[in-house]
Amino acid sequence: MVQATEHLYVVKDEHILGGEPIIKGTRTSVRAIVETWRMNVSPEEIPQGLPHLTRAQVFDALSYYSDHQDEINTYIEIVKIRPVYAEFHSTAKDHPRPCIHFWPSPRSGLSLRHSGYS
């Protein structure tokens, strides 16, 4: 189900990226736009790399980030954790290791759960 936000172009859909804020009608996350902007790509240049987006959508995503920095920064941290998680699971199969999962929690941000051994 699509959930509107106070921003015209930003919505949340629990079926797309686990409810992470996205640009309406796309699968492009606000996080992806913010991370691109943090790599010194100007908002005006972002649609050149993501041609399905308009400048208005990019600026609205950055405005959403300005209003919800803690939320988006949590998603950015989660994405940084995932490669570590993948590496953790690709270690020697002869030696079981604890299986730890990180994912966003709707109420408290980042969640950590231990789910046994892999």
PDB file of N, CA and C in Angstrom:
ATOM      1  N   MET A   1       0.833  -1.182   0.000  1.00  0.00           N
ATOM      2  CA  MET A   1       0.000   0.000   0.000  1.00  0.00           C
ATOM      3  C   MET A   1       0.884   1.254   0.000  1.00  0.00           C
ATOM      4  N   VAL A   2       0.603   2.168  -0.870  1.00  0.00           N
ATOM      5  CA  VAL A   2       1.380   3.399  -0.988  1.00  0.00           C
ATOM      6  C   VAL A   2       0.921   4.394   0.077  1.00  0.00           C
ATOM      7  N   GLN A   3       1.907   4.931   0.794  1.00  0.00           N
ATOM      8  CA  GLN A   3       1.636   5.912   1.839  1.00  0.00           C
ATOM      9  C   GLN A   3       2.202   7.257   1.401  1.00  0.00           C
ATOM     10  N   ALA A   4       1.346   8.254   1.335  1.00  0.00           N
ATOM     11  CA  ALA A   4       1.788   9.600   0.964  1.00  0.00           C
ATOM     12  C   ALA A   4       2.615  10.203   2.096  1.00  0.00           C
ATOM     13  N   THR A   5       3.468  11.144   1.745  1.00  0.00           N
ATOM     14  CA  THR A   5       4.213  11.917   2.745  1.00  0.00           C
ATOM     15  C   THR A   5       3.828  13.379   2.563  1.00  0.00           C
ATOM     16  N   GLU A   6       4.413  14.249   3.359  1.00  0.00           N
ATOM     17  CA  GLU A   6       4.131  15.677   3.215  1.00  0.00           C
ATOM     18  C   GLU A   6       4.828  16.279   2.002  1.00  0.00           C
ATOM     19  N   HIS A   7       5.593  15.464   1.294  1.00  0.00           N
ATOM     20  CA  HIS A   7       6.295  15.906   0.087  1.00  0.00           C
ATOM     21  C   HIS A   7       5.595  15.359  -1.149  1.00  0.00           C
ATOM     22  N   LEU A   8       5.391  16.201  -2.125  1.00  0.00           N
ATOM     23  CA  LEU A   8       4.612  15.880  -3.321  1.00  0.00           C
ATOM     24  C   LEU A   8       5.101  14.631  -4.048  1.00  0.00           C
ATOM     25  N   TYR A   9       6.406  14.490  -4.204  1.00  0.00           N
ATOM     26  CA  TYR A   9       6.955  13.402  -5.025  1.00  0.00           C
ATOM     27  C   TYR A   9       7.462  12.197  -4.230  1.00  0.00           C
ATOM     28  N   VAL A  10       7.437  12.270  -2.922  1.00  0.00           N
ATOM     29  CA  VAL A  10       7.993  11.197  -2.093  1.00  0.00           C
ATOM     30  C   VAL A  10       6.868  10.402  -1.432  1.00  0.00           C
ATOM     31  N   VAL A  11       6.946   9.083  -1.590  1.00  0.00           N
ATOM     32  CA  VAL A  11       5.967   8.174  -0.986  1.00  0.00           C
ATOM     33  C   VAL A  11       6.721   7.014  -0.328  1.00  0.00           C
ATOM     34  N   LYS A  12       5.969   6.221   0.414  1.00  0.00           N
ATOM     35  CA  LYS A  12       6.493   4.981   0.978  1.00  0.00           C
ATOM     36  C   LYS A  12       5.558   3.865   0.550  1.00  0.00           C
ATOM     37  N   ASP A  13       6.137   2.753   0.130  1.00  0.00           N
ATOM     38  CA  ASP A  13       5.353   1.586  -0.274  1.00  0.00           C
ATOM     39  C   ASP A  13       6.008   0.371   0.367  1.00  0.00           C
ATOM     40  N   GLU A  14       5.295  -0.289   1.245  1.00  0.00           N
ATOM     41  CA  GLU A  14       5.867  -1.422   1.972  1.00  0.00           C
ATOM     42  C   GLU A  14       6.339  -2.534   1.044  1.00  0.00           C
ATOM     43  N   HIS A  15       5.870  -2.540  -0.201  1.00  0.00           N
ATOM     44  CA  HIS A  15       6.261  -3.566  -1.167  1.00  0.00           C
ATOM     45  C   HIS A  15       7.482  -3.172  -2.008  1.00  0.00           C
ATOM     46  N   ILE A  16       7.943  -1.937  -1.838  1.00  0.00           N
ATOM     47  CA  ILE A  16       9.119  -1.462  -2.582  1.00  0.00           C
ATOM     48  C   ILE A  16      10.177  -1.039  -1.567  1.00  0.00           C
ATOM     49  N   LEU A  17      11.311  -1.700  -1.595  1.00  0.00           N
ATOM     50  CA  LEU A  17      12.442  -1.409  -0.705  1.00  0.00           C
ATOM     51  C   LEU A  17      12.039  -1.408   0.767  1.00  0.00           C
ATOM     52  N   GLY A  18      11.096  -2.262   1.104  1.00  0.00           N
ATOM     53  CA  GLY A  18      10.700  -2.406   2.498  1.00  0.00           C
ATOM     54  C   GLY A  18      10.084  -1.171   3.117  1.00  0.00           C
ATOM     55  N   GLY A  19       9.515  -0.306   2.306  1.00  0.00           N
ATOM     56  CA  GLY A  19       8.875   0.900   2.821  1.00  0.00           C
ATOM     57  C   GLY A  19       9.794   2.105   2.897  1.00  0.00           C
ATOM     58  N   GLU A  20      11.001   1.962   2.354  1.00  0.00           N
ATOM     59  CA  GLU A  20      11.936   3.088   2.314  1.00  0.00           C
ATOM     60  C   GLU A  20      11.336   4.198   1.451  1.00  0.00           C
ATOM     61  N   PRO A  21      11.508   5.470   1.803  1.00  0.00           N
ATOM     62  CA  PRO A  21      10.967   6.556   0.987  1.00  0.00           C
ATOM     63  C   PRO A  21      11.527   6.516  -0.437  1.00  0.00           C
ATOM     64  N   ILE A  22      10.626   6.605  -1.399  1.00  0.00           N
ATOM     65  CA  ILE A  22      10.981   6.558  -2.822  1.00  0.00           C
ATOM     66  C   ILE A  22      10.299   7.700  -3.564  1.00  0.00           C
ATOM     67  N   ILE A  23      10.741   7.911  -4.789  1.00  0.00           N
ATOM     68  CA  ILE A  23      10.072   8.873  -5.664  1.00  0.00           C
ATOM     69  C   ILE A  23       8.819   8.187  -6.229  1.00  0.00           C
ATOM     70  N   LYS A  24       7.692   8.857  -6.096  1.00  0.00           N
ATOM     71  CA  LYS A  24       6.410   8.304  -6.537  1.00  0.00           C
ATOM     72  C   LYS A  24       6.486   7.820  -7.982  1.00  0.00           C
ATOM     73  N   GLY A  25       6.006   6.588  -8.210  1.00  0.00           N
ATOM     74  CA  GLY A  25       5.979   6.024  -9.554  1.00  0.00           C
ATOM     75  C   GLY A  25       7.287   5.383  -9.994  1.00  0.00           C
ATOM     76  N   THR A  26       8.267   5.331  -9.089  1.00  0.00           N
ATOM     77  CA  THR A  26       9.568   4.729  -9.413  1.00  0.00           C
ATOM     78  C   THR A  26       9.983   3.793  -8.278  1.00  0.00           C
ATOM     79  N   ARG A  27      11.125   3.164  -8.447  1.00  0.00           N
ATOM     80  CA  ARG A  27      11.756   2.408  -7.370  1.00  0.00           C
ATOM     81  C   ARG A  27      13.026   3.130  -6.898  1.00  0.00           C
ATOM     82  N   THR A  28      13.152   4.392  -7.238  1.00  0.00           N
ATOM     83  CA  THR A  28      14.319   5.183  -6.867  1.00  0.00           C
ATOM     84  C   THR A  28      14.120   5.736  -5.463  1.00  0.00           C
ATOM     85  N   SER A  29      15.045   5.378  -4.588  1.00  0.00           N
ATOM     86  CA  SER A  29      14.923   5.805  -3.191  1.00  0.00           C
ATOM     87  C   SER A  29      15.471   7.215  -2.983  1.00  0.00           C
ATOM     88  N   VAL A  30      14.929   7.870  -1.970  1.00  0.00           N
ATOM     89  CA  VAL A  30      15.476   9.153  -1.538  1.00  0.00           C
ATOM     90  C   VAL A  30      16.935   8.944  -1.139  1.00  0.00           C
ATOM     91  N   ARG A  31      17.217   7.816  -0.504  1.00  0.00           N
ATOM     92  CA  ARG A  31      18.590   7.482  -0.105  1.00  0.00           C
ATOM     93  C   ARG A  31      19.542   7.522  -1.297  1.00  0.00           C
ATOM     94  N   ALA A  32      19.142   6.922  -2.421  1.00  0.00           N
ATOM     95  CA  ALA A  32      20.006   6.888  -3.606  1.00  0.00           C
ATOM     96  C   ALA A  32      20.287   8.296  -4.121  1.00  0.00           C
ATOM     97  N   ILE A  33      19.285   9.147  -4.082  1.00  0.00           N
ATOM     98  CA  ILE A  33      19.465  10.528  -4.538  1.00  0.00           C
ATOM     99  C   ILE A  33      20.396  11.275  -3.586  1.00  0.00           C
ATOM    100  N   VAL A  34      20.191  11.086  -2.290  1.00  0.00           N
ATOM    101  CA  VAL A  34      21.048  11.752  -1.301  1.00  0.00           C
ATOM    102  C   VAL A  34      22.493  11.277  -1.435  1.00  0.00           C
ATOM    103  N   GLU A  35      22.691   9.978  -1.601  1.00  0.00           N
ATOM    104  CA  GLU A  35      24.058   9.469  -1.735  1.00  0.00           C
ATOM    105  C   GLU A  35      24.732   9.992  -3.002  1.00  0.00           C
ATOM    106  N   THR A  36      23.975  10.149  -4.065  1.00  0.00           N
ATOM    107  CA  THR A  36      24.526  10.719  -5.293  1.00  0.00           C
ATOM    108  C   THR A  36      24.923  12.175  -5.058  1.00  0.00           C
ATOM    109  N   TRP A  37      24.048  12.909  -4.407  1.00  0.00           N
ATOM    110  CA  TRP A  37      24.304  14.316  -4.084  1.00  0.00           C
ATOM    111  C   TRP A  37      25.535  14.449  -3.177  1.00  0.00           C
ATOM    112  N   ARG A  38      25.698  13.527  -2.235  1.00  0.00           N
ATOM    113  CA  ARG A  38      26.861  13.550  -1.332  1.00  0.00           C
ATOM    114  C   ARG A  38      28.172  13.264  -2.065  1.00  0.00           C
ATOM    115  N   MET A  39      28.091  12.703  -3.269  1.00  0.00           N
ATOM    116  CA  MET A  39      29.290  12.456  -4.078  1.00  0.00           C
ATOM    117  C   MET A  39      29.587  13.669  -4.964  1.00  0.00           C
ATOM    118  N   ASN A  40      29.077  14.833  -4.546  1.00  0.00           N
ATOM    119  CA  ASN A  40      29.314  16.109  -5.231  1.00  0.00           C
ATOM    120  C   ASN A  40      28.689  16.193  -6.613  1.00  0.00           C
ATOM    121  N   VAL A  41      27.597  15.465  -6.823  1.00  0.00           N
ATOM    122  CA  VAL A  41      26.821  15.615  -8.050  1.00  0.00           C
ATOM    123  C   VAL A  41      25.723  16.625  -7.720  1.00  0.00           C
ATOM    124  N   SER A  42      25.656  17.676  -8.492  1.00  0.00           N
ATOM    125  CA  SER A  42      24.665  18.712  -8.196  1.00  0.00           C
ATOM    126  C   SER A  42      23.253  18.183  -8.452  1.00  0.00           C
ATOM    127  N   PRO A  43      22.264  18.733  -7.765  1.00  0.00           N
ATOM    128  CA  PRO A  43      20.879  18.296  -7.994  1.00  0.00           C
ATOM    129  C   PRO A  43      20.457  18.431  -9.459  1.00  0.00           C
ATOM    130  N   GLU A  44      20.977  19.460 -10.123  1.00  0.00           N
ATOM    131  CA  GLU A  44      20.633  19.657 -11.536  1.00  0.00           C
ATOM    132  C   GLU A  44      21.214  18.564 -12.430  1.00  0.00           C
ATOM    133  N   GLU A  45      22.333  17.962 -12.012  1.00  0.00           N
ATOM    134  CA  GLU A  45      22.984  16.916 -12.805  1.00  0.00           C
ATOM    135  C   GLU A  45      22.439  15.514 -12.536  1.00  0.00           C
ATOM    136  N   ILE A  46      21.803  15.307 -11.402  1.00  0.00           N
ATOM    137  CA  ILE A  46      21.325  13.965 -11.043  1.00  0.00           C
ATOM    138  C   ILE A  46      20.389  13.374 -12.098  1.00  0.00           C
ATOM    139  N   PRO A  47      19.463  14.139 -12.670  1.00  0.00           N
ATOM    140  CA  PRO A  47      18.604  13.541 -13.709  1.00  0.00           C
ATOM    141  C   PRO A  47      19.356  13.075 -14.961  1.00  0.00           C
ATOM    142  N   GLN A  48      20.575  13.538 -15.163  1.00  0.00           N
ATOM    143  CA  GLN A  48      21.356  13.039 -16.297  1.00  0.00           C
ATOM    144  C   GLN A  48      21.722  11.573 -16.085  1.00  0.00           C
ATOM    145  N   GLY A  49      22.005  11.192 -14.843  1.00  0.00           N
ATOM    146  CA  GLY A  49      22.310   9.808 -14.523  1.00  0.00           C
ATOM    147  C   GLY A  49      21.074   8.979 -14.246  1.00  0.00           C
ATOM    148  N   LEU A  50      19.997   9.640 -13.868  1.00  0.00           N
ATOM    149  CA  LEU A  50      18.714   8.983 -13.591  1.00  0.00           C
ATOM    150  C   LEU A  50      17.653   9.688 -14.443  1.00  0.00           C
ATOM    151  N   PRO A  51      17.654   9.440 -15.753  1.00  0.00           N
ATOM    152  CA  PRO A  51      16.823  10.224 -16.669  1.00  0.00           C
ATOM    153  C   PRO A  51      15.318  10.096 -16.468  1.00  0.00           C
ATOM    154  N   HIS A  52      14.887   9.122 -15.688  1.00  0.00           N
ATOM    155  CA  HIS A  52      13.456   8.988 -15.415  1.00  0.00           C
ATOM    156  C   HIS A  52      12.985   9.983 -14.350  1.00  0.00           C
ATOM    157  N   LEU A  53      13.939  10.704 -13.739  1.00  0.00           N
ATOM    158  CA  LEU A  53      13.601  11.692 -12.719  1.00  0.00           C
ATOM    159  C   LEU A  53      13.653  13.104 -13.283  1.00  0.00           C
ATOM    160  N   THR A  54      12.794  13.968 -12.743  1.00  0.00           N
ATOM    161  CA  THR A  54      12.822  15.385 -13.089  1.00  0.00           C
ATOM    162  C   THR A  54      13.624  16.134 -12.021  1.00  0.00           C
ATOM    163  N   ARG A  55      14.000  17.337 -12.339  1.00  0.00           N
ATOM    164  CA  ARG A  55      14.683  18.165 -11.342  1.00  0.00           C
ATOM    165  C   ARG A  55      13.793  18.385 -10.129  1.00  0.00           C
ATOM    166  N   ALA A  56      12.513  18.589 -10.361  1.00  0.00           N
ATOM    167  CA  ALA A  56      11.575  18.812  -9.248  1.00  0.00           C
ATOM    168  C   ALA A  56      11.565  17.609  -8.305  1.00  0.00           C
ATOM    169  N   GLN A  57      11.594  16.389  -8.854  1.00  0.00           N
ATOM    170  CA  GLN A  57      11.612  15.190  -8.016  1.00  0.00           C
ATOM    171  C   GLN A  57      12.903  15.112  -7.202  1.00  0.00           C
ATOM    172  N   VAL A  58      14.025  15.450  -7.832  1.00  0.00           N
ATOM    173  CA  VAL A  58      15.313  15.422  -7.132  1.00  0.00           C
ATOM    174  C   VAL A  58      15.320  16.439  -6.001  1.00  0.00           C
ATOM    175  N   PHE A  59      14.897  17.666  -6.278  1.00  0.00           N
ATOM    176  CA  PHE A  59      14.878  18.688  -5.238  1.00  0.00           C
ATOM    177  C   PHE A  59      13.901  18.321  -4.119  1.00  0.00           C
ATOM    178  N   ASP A  60      12.789  17.685  -4.461  1.00  0.00           N
ATOM    179  CA  ASP A  60      11.846  17.268  -3.427  1.00  0.00           C
ATOM    180  C   ASP A  60      12.453  16.158  -2.563  1.00  0.00           C
ATOM    181  N   ALA A  61      13.197  15.248  -3.176  1.00  0.00           N
ATOM    182  CA  ALA A  61      13.870  14.195  -2.412  1.00  0.00           C
ATOM    183  C   ALA A  61      14.882  14.806  -1.441  1.00  0.00           C
ATOM    184  N   LEU A  62      15.636  15.795  -1.892  1.00  0.00           N
ATOM    185  CA  LEU A  62      16.601  16.451  -1.012  1.00  0.00           C
ATOM    186  C   LEU A  62      15.893  17.255   0.080  1.00  0.00           C
ATOM    187  N   SER A  63      14.752  17.818  -0.238  1.00  0.00           N
ATOM    188  CA  SER A  63      13.956  18.514   0.768  1.00  0.00           C
ATOM    189  C   SER A  63      13.432  17.520   1.812  1.00  0.00           C
ATOM    190  N   TYR A  64      12.997  16.341   1.336  1.00  0.00           N
ATOM    191  CA  TYR A  64      12.549  15.295   2.256  1.00  0.00           C
ATOM    192  C   TYR A  64      13.706  14.903   3.177  1.00  0.00           C
ATOM    193  N   TYR A  65      14.887  14.744   2.604  1.00  0.00           N
ATOM    194  CA  TYR A  65      16.060  14.409   3.406  1.00  0.00           C
ATOM    195  C   TYR A  65      16.315  15.490   4.455  1.00  0.00           C
ATOM    196  N   SER A  66      16.206  16.740   4.081  1.00  0.00           N
ATOM    197  CA  SER A  66      16.414  17.826   5.020  1.00  0.00           C
ATOM    198  C   SER A  66      15.455  17.732   6.208  1.00  0.00           C
ATOM    199  N   ASP A  67      14.235  17.317   5.946  1.00  0.00           N
ATOM    200  CA  ASP A  67      13.213  17.183   6.991  1.00  0.00           C
ATOM    201  C   ASP A  67      13.305  15.877   7.767  1.00  0.00           C
ATOM    202  N   HIS A  68      13.980  14.857   7.206  1.00  0.00           N
ATOM    203  CA  HIS A  68      14.003  13.509   7.800  1.00  0.00           C
ATOM    204  C   HIS A  68      15.415  12.910   7.775  1.00  0.00           C
ATOM    205  N   GLN A  69      16.395  13.686   8.181  1.00  0.00           N
ATOM    206  CA  GLN A  69      17.779  13.241   8.080  1.00  0.00           C
ATOM    207  C   GLN A  69      18.060  11.961   8.867  1.00  0.00           C
ATOM    208  N   ASP A  70      17.526  11.837  10.067  1.00  0.00           N
ATOM    209  CA  ASP A  70      17.791  10.632  10.864  1.00  0.00           C
ATOM    210  C   ASP A  70      17.277   9.382  10.160  1.00  0.00           C
ATOM    211  N   GLU A  71      16.088   9.465   9.596  1.00  0.00           N
ATOM    212  CA  GLU A  71      15.496   8.320   8.892  1.00  0.00           C
ATOM    213  C   GLU A  71      16.356   7.902   7.694  1.00  0.00           C
ATOM    214  N   ILE A  72      16.709   8.851   6.848  1.00  0.00           N
ATOM    215  CA  ILE A  72      17.477   8.528   5.641  1.00  0.00           C
ATOM    216  C   ILE A  72      18.886   8.086   6.010  1.00  0.00           C
ATOM    217  N   ASN A  73      19.504   8.715   6.997  1.00  0.00           N
ATOM    218  CA  ASN A  73      20.834   8.299   7.427  1.00  0.00           C
ATOM    219  C   ASN A  73      20.823   6.865   7.961  1.00  0.00           C
ATOM    220  N   THR A  74      19.725   6.458   8.594  1.00  0.00           N
ATOM    221  CA  THR A  74      19.596   5.070   9.055  1.00  0.00           C
ATOM    222  C   THR A  74      19.591   4.127   7.860  1.00  0.00           C
ATOM    223  N   TYR A  75      18.839   4.461   6.810  1.00  0.00           N
ATOM    224  CA  TYR A  75      18.836   3.620   5.602  1.00  0.00           C
ATOM    225  C   TYR A  75      20.225   3.573   4.966  1.00  0.00           C
ATOM    226  N   ILE A  76      20.940   4.683   4.970  1.00  0.00           N
ATOM    227  CA  ILE A  76      22.290   4.711   4.411  1.00  0.00           C
ATOM    228  C   ILE A  76      23.195   3.768   5.205  1.00  0.00           C
ATOM    229  N   GLU A  77      23.089   3.782   6.516  1.00  0.00           N
ATOM    230  CA  GLU A  77      23.895   2.892   7.350  1.00  0.00           C
ATOM    231  C   GLU A  77      23.529   1.426   7.116  1.00  0.00           C
ATOM    232  N   ILE A  78      22.257   1.143   6.936  1.00  0.00           N
ATOM    233  CA  ILE A  78      21.827  -0.235   6.681  1.00  0.00           C
ATOM    234  C   ILE A  78      22.465  -0.756   5.400  1.00  0.00           C
ATOM    235  N   VAL A  79      22.500   0.058   4.381  1.00  0.00           N
ATOM    236  CA  VAL A  79      23.087  -0.368   3.113  1.00  0.00           C
ATOM    237  C   VAL A  79      24.587  -0.608   3.276  1.00  0.00           C
ATOM    238  N   LYS A  80      25.255   0.170   4.127  1.00  0.00           N
ATOM    239  CA  LYS A  80      26.678  -0.051   4.389  1.00  0.00           C
ATOM    240  C   LYS A  80      26.893  -1.372   5.119  1.00  0.00           C
ATOM    241  N   ILE A  81      25.954  -1.767   5.952  1.00  0.00           N
ATOM    242  CA  ILE A  81      26.068  -3.006   6.730  1.00  0.00           C
ATOM    243  C   ILE A  81      25.874  -4.225   5.845  1.00  0.00           C
ATOM    244  N   ARG A  82      25.009  -4.163   4.850  1.00  0.00           N
ATOM    245  CA  ARG A  82      24.698  -5.330   4.017  1.00  0.00           C
ATOM    246  C   ARG A  82      25.914  -6.007   3.390  1.00  0.00           C
ATOM    247  N   PRO A  83      26.892  -5.256   2.820  1.00  0.00           N
ATOM    248  CA  PRO A  83      28.056  -5.956   2.267  1.00  0.00           C
ATOM    249  C   PRO A  83      28.824  -6.737   3.332  1.00  0.00           C
ATOM    250  N   VAL A  84      28.894  -6.205   4.541  1.00  0.00           N
ATOM    251  CA  VAL A  84      29.554  -6.924   5.627  1.00  0.00           C
ATOM    252  C   VAL A  84      28.791  -8.205   5.914  1.00  0.00           C
ATOM    253  N   TYR A  85      27.478  -8.121   5.927  1.00  0.00           N
ATOM    254  CA  TYR A  85      26.628  -9.287   6.159  1.00  0.00           C
ATOM    255  C   TYR A  85      26.878 -10.343   5.081  1.00  0.00           C
ATOM    256  N   ALA A  86      26.968  -9.931   3.823  1.00  0.00           N
ATOM    257  CA  ALA A  86      27.207 -10.880   2.736  1.00  0.00           C
ATOM    258  C   ALA A  86      28.576 -11.531   2.890  1.00  0.00           C
ATOM    259  N   GLU A  87      29.573 -10.749   3.263  1.00  0.00           N
ATOM    260  CA  GLU A  87      30.915 -11.298   3.465  1.00  0.00           C
ATOM    261  C   GLU A  87      30.917 -12.255   4.648  1.00  0.00           C
ATOM    262  N   PHE A  88      30.207 -11.911   5.687  1.00  0.00           N
ATOM    263  CA  PHE A  88      30.100 -12.729   6.892  1.00  0.00           C
ATOM    264  C   PHE A  88      29.561 -14.114   6.546  1.00  0.00           C
ATOM    265  N   HIS A  89      28.576 -14.175   5.648  1.00  0.00           N
ATOM    266  CA  HIS A  89      27.964 -15.451   5.268  1.00  0.00           C
ATOM    267  C   HIS A  89      28.769 -16.223   4.225  1.00  0.00           C
ATOM    268  N   SER A  90      29.746 -15.599   3.621  1.00  0.00           N
ATOM    269  CA  SER A  90      30.508 -16.287   2.585  1.00  0.00           C
ATOM    270  C   SER A  90      31.783 -16.918   3.134  1.00  0.00           C
ATOM    271  N   THR A  91      31.957 -16.919   4.455  1.00  0.00           N
ATOM    272  CA  THR A  91      33.140 -17.526   5.052  1.00  0.00           C
ATOM    273  C   THR A  91      33.030 -19.042   5.010  1.00  0.00           C
ATOM    274  N   ALA A  92      34.067 -19.719   5.427  1.00  0.00           N
ATOM    275  CA  ALA A  92      34.145 -21.184   5.335  1.00  0.00           C
ATOM    276  C   ALA A  92      32.895 -21.859   5.881  1.00  0.00           C
ATOM    277  N   LYS A  93      32.324 -22.751   5.097  1.00  0.00           N
ATOM    278  CA  LYS A  93      31.090 -23.431   5.477  1.00  0.00           C
ATOM    279  C   LYS A  93      31.337 -24.531   6.502  1.00  0.00           C
ATOM    280  N   ASP A  94      32.594 -24.925   6.678  1.00  0.00           N
ATOM    281  CA  ASP A  94      32.913 -25.962   7.656  1.00  0.00           C
ATOM    282  C   ASP A  94      32.837 -25.445   9.087  1.00  0.00           C
ATOM    283  N   HIS A  95      32.830 -24.130   9.233  1.00  0.00           N
ATOM    284  CA  HIS A  95      32.799 -23.538  10.564  1.00  0.00           C
ATOM    285  C   HIS A  95      31.551 -22.681  10.702  1.00  0.00           C
ATOM    286  N   PRO A  96      30.493 -23.229  11.316  1.00  0.00           N
ATOM    287  CA  PRO A  96      29.262 -22.432  11.460  1.00  0.00           C
ATOM    288  C   PRO A  96      29.515 -21.149  12.243  1.00  0.00           C
ATOM    289  N   ARG A  97      28.879 -20.109  11.799  1.00  0.00           N
ATOM    290  CA  ARG A  97      29.011 -18.818  12.459  1.00  0.00           C
ATOM    291  C   ARG A  97      27.621 -18.267  12.757  1.00  0.00           C
ATOM    292  N   PRO A  98      27.527 -17.411  13.766  1.00  0.00           N
ATOM    293  CA  PRO A  98      26.220 -16.832  14.064  1.00  0.00           C
ATOM    294  C   PRO A  98      25.680 -16.062  12.866  1.00  0.00           C
ATOM    295  N   CYS A  99      24.406 -16.134  12.676  1.00  0.00           N
ATOM    296  CA  CYS A  99      23.731 -15.434  11.584  1.00  0.00           C
ATOM    297  C   CYS A  99      23.078 -14.190  12.170  1.00  0.00           C
ATOM    298  N   ILE A 100      23.555 -13.019  11.796  1.00  0.00           N
ATOM    299  CA  ILE A 100      23.047 -11.763  12.340  1.00  0.00           C
ATOM    300  C   ILE A 100      22.409 -10.969  11.217  1.00  0.00           C
ATOM    301  N   HIS A 101      21.219 -10.445  11.461  1.00  0.00           N
ATOM    302  CA  HIS A 101      20.490  -9.682  10.455  1.00  0.00           C
ATOM    303  C   HIS A 101      20.251  -8.262  10.949  1.00  0.00           C
ATOM    304  N   PHE A 102      20.403  -7.287  10.046  1.00  0.00           N
ATOM    305  CA  PHE A 102      20.084  -5.894  10.318  1.00  0.00           C
ATOM    306  C   PHE A 102      18.975  -5.494   9.362  1.00  0.00           C
ATOM    307  N   TRP A 103      17.985  -4.806   9.840  1.00  0.00           N
ATOM    308  CA  TRP A 103      16.968  -4.259   8.952  1.00  0.00           C
ATOM    309  C   TRP A 103      16.243  -3.137   9.670  1.00  0.00           C
ATOM    310  N   PRO A 104      15.562  -2.268   8.908  1.00  0.00           N
ATOM    311  CA  PRO A 104      14.893  -1.145   9.551  1.00  0.00           C
ATOM    312  C   PRO A 104      13.676  -1.607  10.327  1.00  0.00           C
ATOM    313  N   SER A 105      13.509  -1.041  11.478  1.00  0.00           N
ATOM    314  CA  SER A 105      12.327  -1.283  12.285  1.00  0.00           C
ATOM    315  C   SER A 105      11.446  -0.052  12.181  1.00  0.00           C
ATOM    316  N   PRO A 106      10.152  -0.225  11.923  1.00  0.00           N
ATOM    317  CA  PRO A 106       9.291   0.948  11.733  1.00  0.00           C
ATOM    318  C   PRO A 106       9.284   1.899  12.916  1.00  0.00           C
ATOM    319  N   ARG A 107       9.470   1.394  14.121  1.00  0.00           N
ATOM    320  CA  ARG A 107       9.382   2.255  15.290  1.00  0.00           C
ATOM    321  C   ARG A 107      10.724   2.780  15.767  1.00  0.00           C
ATOM    322  N   SER A 108      11.761   1.977  15.660  1.00  0.00           N
ATOM    323  CA  SER A 108      13.001   2.365  16.318  1.00  0.00           C
ATOM    324  C   SER A 108      14.200   2.512  15.399  1.00  0.00           C
ATOM    325  N   GLY A 109      14.016   2.456  14.091  1.00  0.00           N
ATOM    326  CA  GLY A 109      15.156   2.597  13.204  1.00  0.00           C
ATOM    327  C   GLY A 109      15.842   1.273  12.954  1.00  0.00           C
ATOM    328  N   LEU A 110      17.125   1.180  13.281  1.00  0.00           N
ATOM    329  CA  LEU A 110      17.922  -0.003  12.979  1.00  0.00           C
ATOM    330  C   LEU A 110      17.681  -1.101  14.006  1.00  0.00           C
ATOM    331  N   SER A 111      17.403  -2.303  13.540  1.00  0.00           N
ATOM    332  CA  SER A 111      17.207  -3.454  14.417  1.00  0.00           C
ATOM    333  C   SER A 111      18.299  -4.474  14.182  1.00  0.00           C
ATOM    334  N   LEU A 112      18.662  -5.173  15.210  1.00  0.00           N
ATOM    335  CA  LEU A 112      19.654  -6.235  15.128  1.00  0.00           C
ATOM    336  C   LEU A 112      19.030  -7.471  15.740  1.00  0.00           C
ATOM    337  N   ARG A 113      19.056  -8.562  15.007  1.00  0.00           N
ATOM    338  CA  ARG A 113      18.502  -9.801  15.533  1.00  0.00           C
ATOM    339  C   ARG A 113      19.428 -10.956  15.217  1.00  0.00           C
ATOM    340  N   HIS A 114      19.610 -11.825  16.176  1.00  0.00           N
ATOM    341  CA  HIS A 114      20.418 -13.027  16.003  1.00  0.00           C
ATOM    342  C   HIS A 114      19.446 -14.151  15.681  1.00  0.00           C
ATOM    343  N   SER A 115      19.686 -14.864  14.590  1.00  0.00           N
ATOM    344  CA  SER A 115      18.732 -15.894  14.188  1.00  0.00           C
ATOM    345  C   SER A 115      19.383 -17.272  14.117  1.00  0.00           C
ATOM    346  N   GLY A 116      20.302 -17.553  15.000  1.00  0.00           N
ATOM    347  CA  GLY A 116      20.885 -18.878  15.014  1.00  0.00           C
ATOM    348  C   GLY A 116      22.199 -18.934  14.282  1.00  0.00           C
ATOM    349  N   TYR A 117      22.489 -20.086  13.727  1.00  0.00           N
ATOM    350  CA  TYR A 117      23.760 -20.305  13.041  1.00  0.00           C
ATOM    351  C   TYR A 117      23.529 -20.696  11.600  1.00  0.00           C
ATOM    352  N   SER A 118      24.436 -20.257  10.736  1.00  0.00           N
ATOM    353  CA  SER A 118      24.315 -20.582   9.315  1.00  0.00           C
ATOM    354  C   SER A 118      25.261 -21.720   8.981  1.00  0.00           C
TER     355      SER A 118
END
